[in-house]
Amino acid sequence: MALPTRLRQVCLVAANIEPAATDIPSVMGLNICYRDPNVGRFGLENILVPVGDVLLEVVAPIKEGTAAGRFVEKTQGRGGYMAILSCEDPRERGKNAEAMGVRTAHLIDRHPYLGVQLHPRDCRGAFIEFNHTANSDNLLGPYPPAGPDWHKAIKQDETQELTGITMESPDPEGLAAHWSKIIGYPVTNETDVKLPNATIRFVKGPADLMSGLTFKVTDPDAILARAKANGLPVKGNVFALSGVDFELTT
């Protein structure tokens, strides 16, 4: 049986890995599961944090001339970097995107992991990646980008799930239709694309960008208090970190 396409990981980018590497665990009540040495070849460092079975990653440049560094400069640090989706056949999804005029920016073929990253200029607003790990149909099974024992770091007593991505655009309906066609799920409510485990919302904004993430939590007030104590901007049920808004729901 073919596996449904679902949200597997979200990647944010920051000018420096701190304070995100401290703030995300301490504010959200989560654990870092891995710092991937392989990203060093791209002039980056990172952290990966499991939120249930979805991974939250932050990357930061450690040398000049990196794609992530150029992204930070271009966006002035505003906006998420990549929406990463697991699926049965990333190569086929890449071919489908190519037929739409969406180029493949990078192919990662390191058995058992296969990833196809689509060009953010063609996706509009962020990279979309499709990936698959061979012989790992278990959502808590092997997932090489997150390290060998990533599932042991899962902690859900405070932050339980990453349930949504918010994309801004001057044309949210058009961007929703574009991402819907790439991802393969229909648009609902005019500007939502619902995956089995998350919803991508498209809202009005001045530019195409990933502006926010939504989390299901047990005690929003406690998390917001810690965010404020760490010096993060807080407004209502939202705090800002690593270029995006973290929206808390129960």
C-alpha atoms as a PDB file:
ATOM      1  CA  MET A   1       0.000   0.000   0.000  1.00  0.00           C
ATOM      2  CA  ALA A   2       1.352   3.419  -0.971  1.00  0.00           C
ATOM      3  CA  LEU A   3       2.257   5.658   1.937  1.00  0.00           C
ATOM      4  CA  PRO A   4       0.334   8.954   2.117  1.00  0.00           C
ATOM      5  CA  THR A   5       2.294  12.150   1.655  1.00  0.00           C
ATOM      6  CA  ARG A   6       2.635  13.785   5.068  1.00  0.00           C
ATOM      7  CA  LEU A   7       4.602  16.481   6.847  1.00  0.00           C
ATOM      8  CA  ARG A   8       7.880  14.991   8.045  1.00  0.00           C
ATOM      9  CA  GLN A   9      10.066  17.972   8.882  1.00  0.00           C
ATOM     10  CA  VAL A  10      10.210  21.757   8.833  1.00  0.00           C
ATOM     11  CA  CYS A  11      13.504  23.583   8.423  1.00  0.00           C
ATOM     12  CA  LEU A  12      14.098  27.122   9.658  1.00  0.00           C
ATOM     13  CA  VAL A  13      17.227  29.174   9.089  1.00  0.00           C
ATOM     14  CA  ALA A  14      18.962  31.610  11.415  1.00  0.00           C
ATOM     15  CA  ALA A  15      22.048  33.800  11.197  1.00  0.00           C
ATOM     16  CA  ASN A  16      23.473  31.888  14.185  1.00  0.00           C
ATOM     17  CA  ILE A  17      22.493  28.577  15.753  1.00  0.00           C
ATOM     18  CA  GLU A  18      22.157  30.312  19.112  1.00  0.00           C
ATOM     19  CA  PRO A  19      19.858  31.350  20.669  1.00  0.00           C
ATOM     20  CA  ALA A  20      17.561  28.895  18.829  1.00  0.00           C
ATOM     21  CA  ALA A  21      19.471  25.863  20.124  1.00  0.00           C
ATOM     22  CA  THR A  22      18.783  27.069  23.660  1.00  0.00           C
ATOM     23  CA  ASP A  23      15.375  28.700  23.227  1.00  0.00           C
ATOM     24  CA  ILE A  24      13.516  25.899  21.439  1.00  0.00           C
ATOM     25  CA  PRO A  25      14.193  23.229  24.093  1.00  0.00           C
ATOM     26  CA  SER A  26      13.881  25.546  27.093  1.00  0.00           C
ATOM     27  CA  VAL A  27      10.768  27.402  25.941  1.00  0.00           C
ATOM     28  CA  MET A  28       8.901  24.543  24.262  1.00  0.00           C
ATOM     29  CA  GLY A  29       9.897  21.757  26.659  1.00  0.00           C
ATOM     30  CA  LEU A  30      11.500  19.705  23.877  1.00  0.00           C
ATOM     31  CA  ASN A  31      14.787  17.853  23.349  1.00  0.00           C
ATOM     32  CA  ILE A  32      17.456  18.177  20.683  1.00  0.00           C
ATOM     33  CA  CYS A  33      17.895  14.748  19.113  1.00  0.00           C
ATOM     34  CA  TYR A  34      20.749  15.406  16.685  1.00  0.00           C
ATOM     35  CA  ARG A  35      23.314  17.801  15.285  1.00  0.00           C
ATOM     36  CA  ASP A  36      24.046  16.511  11.799  1.00  0.00           C
ATOM     37  CA  PRO A  37      27.764  16.615  10.893  1.00  0.00           C
ATOM     38  CA  ASN A  38      26.888  16.119   7.214  1.00  0.00           C
ATOM     39  CA  VAL A  39      25.561  19.679   6.866  1.00  0.00           C
ATOM     40  CA  GLY A  40      29.080  20.948   7.513  1.00  0.00           C
ATOM     41  CA  ARG A  41      29.953  20.206   3.885  1.00  0.00           C
ATOM     42  CA  PHE A  42      27.440  22.919   2.946  1.00  0.00           C
ATOM     43  CA  GLY A  43      28.961  25.398   5.395  1.00  0.00           C
ATOM     44  CA  LEU A  44      26.177  24.918   7.942  1.00  0.00           C
ATOM     45  CA  GLU A  45      25.464  23.695  11.439  1.00  0.00           C
ATOM     46  CA  ASN A  46      22.075  22.569  12.679  1.00  0.00           C
ATOM     47  CA  ILE A  47      19.878  21.182  15.399  1.00  0.00           C
ATOM     48  CA  LEU A  48      16.974  18.761  15.022  1.00  0.00           C
ATOM     49  CA  VAL A  49      14.152  18.583  17.548  1.00  0.00           C
ATOM     50  CA  PRO A  50      11.329  16.018  17.403  1.00  0.00           C
ATOM     51  CA  VAL A  51       7.812  17.334  17.965  1.00  0.00           C
ATOM     52  CA  GLY A  52       6.014  14.014  18.117  1.00  0.00           C
ATOM     53  CA  ASP A  53       6.924  12.293  14.851  1.00  0.00           C
ATOM     54  CA  VAL A  54       7.592  15.570  12.975  1.00  0.00           C
ATOM     55  CA  LEU A  55      11.097  17.057  13.078  1.00  0.00           C
ATOM     56  CA  LEU A  56      11.823  20.746  13.592  1.00  0.00           C
ATOM     57  CA  GLU A  57      15.232  21.765  12.257  1.00  0.00           C
ATOM     58  CA  VAL A  58      17.161  25.018  12.472  1.00  0.00           C
ATOM     59  CA  VAL A  59      20.211  25.547  10.256  1.00  0.00           C
ATOM     60  CA  ALA A  60      22.733  28.371  10.437  1.00  0.00           C
ATOM     61  CA  PRO A  61      25.712  29.278   8.229  1.00  0.00           C
ATOM     62  CA  ILE A  62      29.217  28.867   9.635  1.00  0.00           C
ATOM     63  CA  LYS A  63      31.019  30.313   6.616  1.00  0.00           C
ATOM     64  CA  GLU A  64      30.438  32.862   3.874  1.00  0.00           C
ATOM     65  CA  GLY A  65      28.684  32.105   0.604  1.00  0.00           C
ATOM     66  CA  THR A  66      26.131  29.511   1.709  1.00  0.00           C
ATOM     67  CA  ALA A  67      22.613  29.251   0.297  1.00  0.00           C
ATOM     68  CA  ALA A  68      21.219  29.538   3.826  1.00  0.00           C
ATOM     69  CA  GLY A  69      23.295  32.643   4.470  1.00  0.00           C
ATOM     70  CA  ARG A  70      22.063  34.248   1.261  1.00  0.00           C
ATOM     71  CA  PHE A  71      18.502  33.394   2.292  1.00  0.00           C
ATOM     72  CA  VAL A  72      18.963  35.188   5.627  1.00  0.00           C
ATOM     73  CA  GLU A  73      20.437  38.227   3.882  1.00  0.00           C
ATOM     74  CA  LYS A  74      17.709  38.344   1.244  1.00  0.00           C
ATOM     75  CA  THR A  75      14.839  37.964   3.709  1.00  0.00           C
ATOM     76  CA  GLN A  76      16.511  39.903   6.537  1.00  0.00           C
ATOM     77  CA  GLY A  77      15.939  36.855   8.706  1.00  0.00           C
ATOM     78  CA  ARG A  78      12.200  36.614   8.113  1.00  0.00           C
ATOM     79  CA  GLY A  79      10.590  33.378   6.942  1.00  0.00           C
ATOM     80  CA  GLY A  80      11.017  29.617   7.177  1.00  0.00           C
ATOM     81  CA  TYR A  81      13.301  27.725   4.819  1.00  0.00           C
ATOM     82  CA  MET A  82      11.839  24.355   3.890  1.00  0.00           C
ATOM     83  CA  ALA A  83       8.698  22.188   4.148  1.00  0.00           C
ATOM     84  CA  ILE A  84       9.774  18.542   4.012  1.00  0.00           C
ATOM     85  CA  LEU A  85       7.240  15.863   3.128  1.00  0.00           C
ATOM     86  CA  SER A  86       7.609  12.096   3.247  1.00  0.00           C
ATOM     87  CA  CYS A  87       6.102  10.126   0.385  1.00  0.00           C
ATOM     88  CA  GLU A  88       6.357   6.820  -1.455  1.00  0.00           C
ATOM     89  CA  ASP A  89       8.321   7.990  -4.528  1.00  0.00           C
ATOM     90  CA  PRO A  90      10.247  11.295  -4.337  1.00  0.00           C
ATOM     91  CA  ARG A  91      11.639  10.927  -7.870  1.00  0.00           C
ATOM     92  CA  GLU A  92       8.136  10.687  -9.314  1.00  0.00           C
ATOM     93  CA  ARG A  93       7.051  13.727  -7.308  1.00  0.00           C
ATOM     94  CA  GLY A  94      10.059  15.579  -8.685  1.00  0.00           C
ATOM     95  CA  LYS A  95       9.089  14.626 -12.249  1.00  0.00           C
ATOM     96  CA  ASN A  96       5.540  15.838 -11.647  1.00  0.00           C
ATOM     97  CA  ALA A  97       6.901  19.147 -10.382  1.00  0.00           C
ATOM     98  CA  GLU A  98       9.241  19.457 -13.384  1.00  0.00           C
ATOM     99  CA  ALA A  99       6.208  19.099 -15.660  1.00  0.00           C
ATOM    100  CA  MET A 100       4.772  22.163 -13.882  1.00  0.00           C
ATOM    101  CA  GLY A 101       7.963  24.133 -14.448  1.00  0.00           C
ATOM    102  CA  VAL A 102       9.227  23.589 -10.888  1.00  0.00           C
ATOM    103  CA  ARG A 103      12.905  22.711 -11.022  1.00  0.00           C
ATOM    104  CA  THR A 104      14.759  20.246  -8.820  1.00  0.00           C
ATOM    105  CA  ALA A 105      17.350  22.193  -6.848  1.00  0.00           C
ATOM    106  CA  HIS A 106      19.079  19.280  -5.143  1.00  0.00           C
ATOM    107  CA  LEU A 107      18.920  15.480  -5.118  1.00  0.00           C
ATOM    108  CA  ILE A 108      20.007  13.643  -1.961  1.00  0.00           C
ATOM    109  CA  ASP A 109      20.582   9.964  -2.718  1.00  0.00           C
ATOM    110  CA  ARG A 110      22.254   8.289   0.256  1.00  0.00           C
ATOM    111  CA  HIS A 111      20.703   4.870   0.760  1.00  0.00           C
ATOM    112  CA  PRO A 112      18.371   4.294   2.524  1.00  0.00           C
ATOM    113  CA  TYR A 113      17.432   7.990   2.241  1.00  0.00           C
ATOM    114  CA  LEU A 114      16.251   9.679  -0.948  1.00  0.00           C
ATOM    115  CA  GLY A 115      15.298  13.351  -1.023  1.00  0.00           C
ATOM    116  CA  VAL A 116      14.247  15.632  -3.881  1.00  0.00           C
ATOM    117  CA  GLN A 117      14.419  19.339  -3.045  1.00  0.00           C
ATOM    118  CA  LEU A 118      12.444  21.661  -5.311  1.00  0.00           C
ATOM    119  CA  HIS A 119      13.687  25.130  -6.169  1.00  0.00           C
ATOM    120  CA  PRO A 120      12.240  27.770  -3.808  1.00  0.00           C
ATOM    121  CA  ARG A 121      11.946  30.344  -6.582  1.00  0.00           C
ATOM    122  CA  ASP A 122       9.641  27.977  -8.467  1.00  0.00           C
ATOM    123  CA  CYS A 123       7.800  26.759  -5.355  1.00  0.00           C
ATOM    124  CA  ARG A 124       7.469  30.386  -4.222  1.00  0.00           C
ATOM    125  CA  GLY A 125       8.142  31.210  -0.597  1.00  0.00           C
ATOM    126  CA  ALA A 126      10.155  28.177   0.540  1.00  0.00           C
ATOM    127  CA  PHE A 127      11.767  24.945  -0.570  1.00  0.00           C
ATOM    128  CA  ILE A 128       9.523  21.894  -0.791  1.00  0.00           C
ATOM    129  CA  GLU A 129      11.290  18.567  -0.343  1.00  0.00           C
ATOM    130  CA  PHE A 130       9.880  15.090  -0.904  1.00  0.00           C
ATOM    131  CA  ASN A 131      11.739  12.253   0.788  1.00  0.00           C
ATOM    132  CA  HIS A 132      11.543   8.558   1.521  1.00  0.00           C
ATOM    133  CA  THR A 133      13.546   6.233   3.748  1.00  0.00           C
ATOM    134  CA  ALA A 134      13.644   2.675   2.414  1.00  0.00           C
ATOM    135  CA  ASN A 135      12.227  -0.042   4.686  1.00  0.00           C
ATOM    136  CA  SER A 136      11.018   2.529   7.212  1.00  0.00           C
ATOM    137  CA  ASP A 137       7.240   2.630   7.015  1.00  0.00           C
ATOM    138  CA  ASN A 138       7.119   3.050  10.809  1.00  0.00           C
ATOM    139  CA  LEU A 139       6.801   6.776  11.564  1.00  0.00           C
ATOM    140  CA  LEU A 140       9.098   6.303  14.556  1.00  0.00           C
ATOM    141  CA  GLY A 141      11.539   4.173  12.587  1.00  0.00           C
ATOM    142  CA  PRO A 142      14.855   5.097  10.967  1.00  0.00           C
ATOM    143  CA  TYR A 143      15.059   8.622   9.555  1.00  0.00           C
ATOM    144  CA  PRO A 144      18.712   9.403   8.721  1.00  0.00           C
ATOM    145  CA  PRO A 145      18.518  13.237   8.820  1.00  0.00           C
ATOM    146  CA  ALA A 146      17.519  13.065  12.502  1.00  0.00           C
ATOM    147  CA  GLY A 147      20.220  10.676  13.690  1.00  0.00           C
ATOM    148  CA  PRO A 148      20.178   7.028  14.752  1.00  0.00           C
ATOM    149  CA  ASP A 149      18.046   7.313  17.910  1.00  0.00           C
ATOM    150  CA  TRP A 150      15.943  10.390  17.232  1.00  0.00           C
ATOM    151  CA  HIS A 151      12.715   8.862  18.546  1.00  0.00           C
ATOM    152  CA  LYS A 152      14.244   8.455  22.015  1.00  0.00           C
ATOM    153  CA  ALA A 153      14.308  12.265  22.327  1.00  0.00           C
ATOM    154  CA  ILE A 154      10.543  12.670  21.807  1.00  0.00           C
ATOM    155  CA  LYS A 155       8.975  14.584  24.693  1.00  0.00           C
ATOM    156  CA  GLN A 156       5.286  15.478  24.529  1.00  0.00           C
ATOM    157  CA  ASP A 157       4.226  16.498  28.016  1.00  0.00           C
ATOM    158  CA  GLU A 158       4.251  20.206  27.048  1.00  0.00           C
ATOM    159  CA  THR A 159       4.532  20.559  23.265  1.00  0.00           C
ATOM    160  CA  GLN A 160       2.622  17.687  21.712  1.00  0.00           C
ATOM    161  CA  GLU A 161       2.449  18.194  17.947  1.00  0.00           C
ATOM    162  CA  LEU A 162       3.474  20.467  15.100  1.00  0.00           C
ATOM    163  CA  THR A 163       0.108  20.803  13.381  1.00  0.00           C
ATOM    164  CA  GLY A 164       0.467  23.534  10.786  1.00  0.00           C
ATOM    165  CA  ILE A 165       2.493  25.811   8.546  1.00  0.00           C
ATOM    166  CA  THR A 166       1.414  29.339   7.624  1.00  0.00           C
ATOM    167  CA  MET A 167       2.464  30.750   4.259  1.00  0.00           C
ATOM    168  CA  GLU A 168       2.016  34.424   3.404  1.00  0.00           C
ATOM    169  CA  SER A 169       1.520  35.762  -0.112  1.00  0.00           C
ATOM    170  CA  PRO A 170       0.079  38.776  -1.925  1.00  0.00           C
ATOM    171  CA  ASP A 171      -1.984  36.102  -3.723  1.00  0.00           C
ATOM    172  CA  PRO A 172      -2.790  33.450  -1.089  1.00  0.00           C
ATOM    173  CA  GLU A 173      -5.378  31.716  -3.276  1.00  0.00           C
ATOM    174  CA  GLY A 174      -2.903  31.431  -6.146  1.00  0.00           C
ATOM    175  CA  LEU A 175      -0.084  30.180  -3.927  1.00  0.00           C
ATOM    176  CA  ALA A 176      -2.416  27.657  -2.271  1.00  0.00           C
ATOM    177  CA  ALA A 177      -3.401  26.325  -5.705  1.00  0.00           C
ATOM    178  CA  HIS A 178       0.271  26.126  -6.738  1.00  0.00           C
ATOM    179  CA  TRP A 179       1.369  24.220  -3.629  1.00  0.00           C
ATOM    180  CA  SER A 180      -1.719  22.015  -3.859  1.00  0.00           C
ATOM    181  CA  LYS A 181      -0.702  20.928  -7.339  1.00  0.00           C
ATOM    182  CA  ILE A 182       2.898  20.265  -6.282  1.00  0.00           C
ATOM    183  CA  ILE A 183       1.979  18.361  -3.107  1.00  0.00           C
ATOM    184  CA  GLY A 184      -1.017  16.491  -4.489  1.00  0.00           C
ATOM    185  CA  TYR A 185      -3.715  17.437  -1.979  1.00  0.00           C
ATOM    186  CA  PRO A 186      -6.714  19.639  -2.829  1.00  0.00           C
ATOM    187  CA  VAL A 187      -7.302  23.153  -1.572  1.00  0.00           C
ATOM    188  CA  THR A 188     -10.025  23.388   1.063  1.00  0.00           C
ATOM    189  CA  ASN A 189     -11.647  26.539   2.464  1.00  0.00           C
ATOM    190  CA  GLU A 190     -10.097  28.379  -0.521  1.00  0.00           C
ATOM    191  CA  THR A 191      -6.656  28.720   1.097  1.00  0.00           C
ATOM    192  CA  ASP A 192      -5.877  25.544   3.085  1.00  0.00           C
ATOM    193  CA  VAL A 193      -3.999  22.446   1.962  1.00  0.00           C
ATOM    194  CA  LYS A 194      -4.665  19.638   4.435  1.00  0.00           C
ATOM    195  CA  LEU A 195      -2.189  16.793   4.813  1.00  0.00           C
ATOM    196  CA  PRO A 196      -2.965  13.755   6.985  1.00  0.00           C
ATOM    197  CA  ASN A 197      -1.047  15.219   9.929  1.00  0.00           C
ATOM    198  CA  ALA A 198      -0.899  18.985   9.323  1.00  0.00           C
ATOM    199  CA  THR A 199      -2.552  21.892   7.538  1.00  0.00           C
ATOM    200  CA  ILE A 200      -0.722  24.417   5.377  1.00  0.00           C
ATOM    201  CA  ARG A 201      -2.591  27.733   5.574  1.00  0.00           C
ATOM    202  CA  PHE A 202      -2.135  30.519   3.042  1.00  0.00           C
ATOM    203  CA  VAL A 203      -2.838  34.058   4.211  1.00  0.00           C
ATOM    204  CA  LYS A 204      -2.508  37.571   2.828  1.00  0.00           C
ATOM    205  CA  GLY A 205       0.911  39.161   3.211  1.00  0.00           C
ATOM    206  CA  PRO A 206       3.365  41.436   1.410  1.00  0.00           C
ATOM    207  CA  ALA A 207       5.604  38.654   0.056  1.00  0.00           C
ATOM    208  CA  ASP A 208       5.701  34.908  -0.549  1.00  0.00           C
ATOM    209  CA  LEU A 209       7.191  33.374   2.603  1.00  0.00           C
ATOM    210  CA  MET A 210       6.716  30.804   5.354  1.00  0.00           C
ATOM    211  CA  SER A 211       5.639  33.046   8.203  1.00  0.00           C
ATOM    212  CA  GLY A 212       4.545  30.706  10.972  1.00  0.00           C
ATOM    213  CA  LEU A 213       4.216  27.294  12.569  1.00  0.00           C
ATOM    214  CA  THR A 214       1.348  26.035  14.722  1.00  0.00           C
ATOM    215  CA  PHE A 215       1.851  23.764  17.718  1.00  0.00           C
ATOM    216  CA  LYS A 216      -0.577  21.865  19.915  1.00  0.00           C
ATOM    217  CA  VAL A 217       0.511  22.343  23.537  1.00  0.00           C
ATOM    218  CA  THR A 218      -0.811  21.535  26.988  1.00  0.00           C
ATOM    219  CA  ASP A 219      -0.206  24.907  28.695  1.00  0.00           C
ATOM    220  CA  PRO A 220       0.222  27.902  26.365  1.00  0.00           C
ATOM    221  CA  ASP A 221       0.576  30.373  29.235  1.00  0.00           C
ATOM    222  CA  ALA A 222       3.579  28.544  30.692  1.00  0.00           C
ATOM    223  CA  ILE A 223       5.340  28.404  27.323  1.00  0.00           C
ATOM    224  CA  LEU A 224       4.600  32.057  26.568  1.00  0.00           C
ATOM    225  CA  ALA A 225       5.930  33.054  29.992  1.00  0.00           C
ATOM    226  CA  ARG A 226       9.205  31.237  29.300  1.00  0.00           C
ATOM    227  CA  ALA A 227       9.417  32.820  25.841  1.00  0.00           C
ATOM    228  CA  LYS A 228       8.999  36.260  27.380  1.00  0.00           C
ATOM    229  CA  ALA A 229      11.578  35.465  30.069  1.00  0.00           C
ATOM    230  CA  ASN A 230      14.032  34.487  27.307  1.00  0.00           C
ATOM    231  CA  GLY A 231      13.523  37.862  25.649  1.00  0.00           C
ATOM    232  CA  LEU A 232      11.466  36.612  22.700  1.00  0.00           C
ATOM    233  CA  PRO A 233       8.716  38.841  21.258  1.00  0.00           C
ATOM    234  CA  VAL A 234       5.311  37.674  22.527  1.00  0.00           C
ATOM    235  CA  LYS A 235       1.878  38.785  21.317  1.00  0.00           C
ATOM    236  CA  GLY A 236      -1.297  36.956  22.253  1.00  0.00           C
ATOM    237  CA  ASN A 237      -0.725  33.221  21.808  1.00  0.00           C
ATOM    238  CA  VAL A 238       2.283  33.733  19.514  1.00  0.00           C
ATOM    239  CA  PHE A 239       6.007  34.236  20.031  1.00  0.00           C
ATOM    240  CA  ALA A 240       8.674  34.873  17.398  1.00  0.00           C
ATOM    241  CA  LEU A 241      11.767  32.699  16.965  1.00  0.00           C
ATOM    242  CA  SER A 242      14.172  31.978  14.092  1.00  0.00           C
ATOM    243  CA  GLY A 243      12.285  34.161  11.643  1.00  0.00           C
ATOM    244  CA  VAL A 244       8.793  32.722  12.109  1.00  0.00           C
ATOM    245  CA  ASP A 245       5.839  33.009  14.478  1.00  0.00           C
ATOM    246  CA  PHE A 246       5.242  30.076  16.815  1.00  0.00           C
ATOM    247  CA  GLU A 247       1.467  29.915  17.336  1.00  0.00           C
ATOM    248  CA  LEU A 248       0.243  27.877  20.304  1.00  0.00           C
ATOM    249  CA  THR A 249      -3.087  26.028  20.407  1.00  0.00           C
ATOM    250  CA  THR A 250      -4.606  23.465  22.757  1.00  0.00           C
END
